[in-house]
């Protein structure tokens, strides 16, 4: 697997984890955004 493909897969996994946390109420919107390195 190429480096770019690996990094994209890692970003995807982080998003799925953050979204799941937000959806279940474990994370607030700002916390999920912080995990992804974006602003809320």
PDB file of N, CA and C in Angstrom:
ATOM      1  N   UNK A   1       0.855  -1.176   0.000  1.00  0.00           N
ATOM      2  CA  UNK A   1       0.000   0.000   0.000  1.00  0.00           C
ATOM      3  C   UNK A   1       0.897   1.235   0.000  1.00  0.00           C
ATOM      4  N   UNK A   2       0.573   2.156  -0.852  1.00  0.00           N
ATOM      5  CA  UNK A   2       1.338   3.399  -0.930  1.00  0.00           C
ATOM      6  C   UNK A   2       1.092   4.268   0.289  1.00  0.00           C
ATOM      7  N   UNK A   3       2.013   5.173   0.503  1.00  0.00           N
ATOM      8  CA  UNK A   3       1.911   6.077   1.651  1.00  0.00           C
ATOM      9  C   UNK A   3       0.635   6.910   1.594  1.00  0.00           C
ATOM     10  N   UNK A   4       0.312   7.444   0.414  1.00  0.00           N
ATOM     11  CA  UNK A   4      -0.889   8.277   0.295  1.00  0.00           C
ATOM     12  C   UNK A   4      -2.155   7.466   0.558  1.00  0.00           C
ATOM     13  N   UNK A   5      -2.176   6.225   0.091  1.00  0.00           N
ATOM     14  CA  UNK A   5      -3.341   5.372   0.343  1.00  0.00           C
ATOM     15  C   UNK A   5      -3.469   5.062   1.822  1.00  0.00           C
ATOM     16  N   UNK A   6      -2.342   4.836   2.464  1.00  0.00           N
ATOM     17  CA  UNK A   6      -2.339   4.558   3.898  1.00  0.00           C
ATOM     18  C   UNK A   6      -2.843   5.767   4.688  1.00  0.00           C
ATOM     19  N   UNK A   7      -2.361   6.951   4.346  1.00  0.00           N
ATOM     20  CA  UNK A   7      -2.799   8.166   5.034  1.00  0.00           C
ATOM     21  C   UNK A   7      -4.287   8.414   4.823  1.00  0.00           C
ATOM     22  N   UNK A   8      -4.788   8.154   3.614  1.00  0.00           N
ATOM     23  CA  UNK A   8      -6.210   8.329   3.344  1.00  0.00           C
ATOM     24  C   UNK A   8      -7.035   7.355   4.177  1.00  0.00           C
ATOM     25  N   UNK A   9      -6.565   6.126   4.305  1.00  0.00           N
ATOM     26  CA  UNK A   9      -7.280   5.127   5.097  1.00  0.00           C
ATOM     27  C   UNK A   9      -7.298   5.526   6.579  1.00  0.00           C
ATOM     28  N   UNK A  10      -6.199   6.077   7.063  1.00  0.00           N
ATOM     29  CA  UNK A  10      -6.128   6.541   8.454  1.00  0.00           C
ATOM     30  C   UNK A  10      -7.119   7.676   8.676  1.00  0.00           C
ATOM     31  N   UNK A  11      -7.182   8.630   7.725  1.00  0.00           N
ATOM     32  CA  UNK A  11      -8.148   9.738   7.835  1.00  0.00           C
ATOM     33  C   UNK A  11      -9.575   9.211   7.869  1.00  0.00           C
ATOM     34  N   UNK A  12      -9.854   8.237   7.035  1.00  0.00           N
ATOM     35  CA  UNK A  12     -11.188   7.641   6.984  1.00  0.00           C
ATOM     36  C   UNK A  12     -11.539   6.982   8.316  1.00  0.00           C
ATOM     37  N   UNK A  13     -10.599   6.252   8.891  1.00  0.00           N
ATOM     38  CA  UNK A  13     -10.830   5.588  10.169  1.00  0.00           C
ATOM     39  C   UNK A  13     -11.063   6.613  11.272  1.00  0.00           C
ATOM     40  N   UNK A  14     -10.285   7.692  11.279  1.00  0.00           N
ATOM     41  CA  UNK A  14     -10.475   8.752  12.278  1.00  0.00           C
ATOM     42  C   UNK A  14     -11.846   9.390  12.151  1.00  0.00           C
ATOM     43  N   UNK A  15     -12.265   9.634  10.907  1.00  0.00           N
ATOM     44  CA  UNK A  15     -13.582  10.225  10.693  1.00  0.00           C
ATOM     45  C   UNK A  15     -14.675   9.299  11.217  1.00  0.00           C
ATOM     46  N   UNK A  16     -14.585   8.019  10.874  1.00  0.00           N
ATOM     47  CA  UNK A  16     -15.607   7.066  11.317  1.00  0.00           C
ATOM     48  C   UNK A  16     -15.665   6.982  12.836  1.00  0.00           C
ATOM     49  N   UNK A  17     -14.500   7.020  13.477  1.00  0.00           N
ATOM     50  CA  UNK A  17     -14.459   6.986  14.942  1.00  0.00           C
ATOM     51  C   UNK A  17     -15.065   8.258  15.543  1.00  0.00           C
ATOM     52  N   UNK A  18     -14.698   9.418  14.990  1.00  0.00           N
ATOM     53  CA  UNK A  18     -15.221  10.685  15.504  1.00  0.00           C
ATOM     54  C   UNK A  18     -16.727  10.789  15.261  1.00  0.00           C
ATOM     55  N   UNK A  19     -17.174  10.406  14.094  1.00  0.00           N
ATOM     56  CA  UNK A  19     -18.605  10.472  13.780  1.00  0.00           C
ATOM     57  C   UNK A  19     -19.402   9.532  14.680  1.00  0.00           C
ATOM     58  N   UNK A  20     -18.870   8.341  14.888  1.00  0.00           N
ATOM     59  CA  UNK A  20     -19.542   7.395  15.773  1.00  0.00           C
ATOM     60  C   UNK A  20     -19.636   7.922  17.192  1.00  0.00           C
ATOM     61  N   UNK A  21     -18.572   8.546  17.668  1.00  0.00           N
ATOM     62  CA  UNK A  21     -18.577   9.137  19.007  1.00  0.00           C
ATOM     63  C   UNK A  21     -19.574  10.263  19.127  1.00  0.00           C
ATOM     64  N   UNK A  22     -19.664  11.081  18.086  1.00  0.00           N
ATOM     65  CA  UNK A  22     -20.619  12.192  18.094  1.00  0.00           C
ATOM     66  C   UNK A  22     -22.046  11.661  18.023  1.00  0.00           C
ATOM     67  N   UNK A  23     -22.260  10.681  17.141  1.00  0.00           N
ATOM     68  CA  UNK A  23     -23.598  10.141  16.934  1.00  0.00           C
ATOM     69  C   UNK A  23     -24.162   9.490  18.195  1.00  0.00           C
ATOM     70  N   UNK A  24     -23.298   8.846  18.979  1.00  0.00           N
ATOM     71  CA  UNK A  24     -23.752   8.178  20.200  1.00  0.00           C
ATOM     72  C   UNK A  24     -23.735   9.104  21.414  1.00  0.00           C
ATOM     73  N   UNK A  25     -23.262  10.338  21.237  1.00  0.00           N
ATOM     74  CA  UNK A  25     -23.262  11.292  22.333  1.00  0.00           C
ATOM     75  C   UNK A  25     -22.021  11.229  23.215  1.00  0.00           C
ATOM     76  N   UNK A  26     -21.024  10.435  22.826  1.00  0.00           N
ATOM     77  CA  UNK A  26     -19.788  10.371  23.607  1.00  0.00           C
ATOM     78  C   UNK A  26     -18.910  11.583  23.371  1.00  0.00           C
ATOM     79  N   UNK A  27     -19.050  12.223  22.219  1.00  0.00           N
ATOM     80  CA  UNK A  27     -18.245  13.398  21.880  1.00  0.00           C
ATOM     81  C   UNK A  27     -19.160  14.556  21.504  1.00  0.00           C
ATOM     82  N   UNK A  28     -18.736  15.746  21.871  1.00  0.00           N
ATOM     83  CA  UNK A  28     -19.420  16.952  21.423  1.00  0.00           C
ATOM     84  C   UNK A  28     -18.880  17.286  20.030  1.00  0.00           C
ATOM     85  N   UNK A  29     -19.584  18.137  19.317  1.00  0.00           N
ATOM     86  CA  UNK A  29     -19.181  18.511  17.967  1.00  0.00           C
ATOM     87  C   UNK A  29     -17.760  19.080  17.949  1.00  0.00           C
ATOM     88  N   UNK A  30     -17.451  19.947  18.896  1.00  0.00           N
ATOM     89  CA  UNK A  30     -16.123  20.565  18.953  1.00  0.00           C
ATOM     90  C   UNK A  30     -15.035  19.522  19.206  1.00  0.00           C
ATOM     91  N   UNK A  31     -15.323  18.515  20.037  1.00  0.00           N
ATOM     92  CA  UNK A  31     -14.343  17.464  20.311  1.00  0.00           C
ATOM     93  C   UNK A  31     -14.087  16.605  19.059  1.00  0.00           C
ATOM     94  N   UNK A  32     -15.151  16.264  18.371  1.00  0.00           N
ATOM     95  CA  UNK A  32     -15.008  15.474  17.142  1.00  0.00           C
ATOM     96  C   UNK A  32     -14.204  16.256  16.101  1.00  0.00           C
ATOM     97  N   UNK A  33     -14.484  17.542  15.959  1.00  0.00           N
ATOM     98  CA  UNK A  33     -13.761  18.374  15.018  1.00  0.00           C
ATOM     99  C   UNK A  33     -12.292  18.473  15.387  1.00  0.00           C
ATOM    100  N   UNK A  34     -12.023  18.596  16.665  1.00  0.00           N
ATOM    101  CA  UNK A  34     -10.644  18.668  17.129  1.00  0.00           C
ATOM    102  C   UNK A  34      -9.877  17.397  16.797  1.00  0.00           C
ATOM    103  N   UNK A  35     -10.513  16.255  16.965  1.00  0.00           N
ATOM    104  CA  UNK A  35      -9.875  14.987  16.631  1.00  0.00           C
ATOM    105  C   UNK A  35      -9.500  14.904  15.145  1.00  0.00           C
ATOM    106  N   UNK A  36     -10.325  15.540  14.323  1.00  0.00           N
ATOM    107  CA  UNK A  36     -10.090  15.500  12.884  1.00  0.00           C
ATOM    108  C   UNK A  36      -9.201  16.639  12.399  1.00  0.00           C
ATOM    109  N   UNK A  37      -8.906  17.570  13.289  1.00  0.00           N
ATOM    110  CA  UNK A  37      -8.042  18.683  12.916  1.00  0.00           C
ATOM    111  C   UNK A  37      -8.736  19.732  12.056  1.00  0.00           C
ATOM    112  N   UNK A  38     -10.037  19.876  12.244  1.00  0.00           N
ATOM    113  CA  UNK A  38     -10.810  20.894  11.513  1.00  0.00           C
ATOM    114  C   UNK A  38     -11.557  21.750  12.524  1.00  0.00           C
ATOM    115  N   UNK A  39     -12.069  22.892  12.070  1.00  0.00           N
ATOM    116  CA  UNK A  39     -12.862  23.698  12.987  1.00  0.00           C
ATOM    117  C   UNK A  39     -14.303  23.227  12.952  1.00  0.00           C
ATOM    118  N   UNK A  40     -14.995  23.451  14.038  1.00  0.00           N
ATOM    119  CA  UNK A  40     -16.360  22.959  14.158  1.00  0.00           C
ATOM    120  C   UNK A  40     -17.297  23.683  13.253  1.00  0.00           C
TER     121      UNK A  40
END
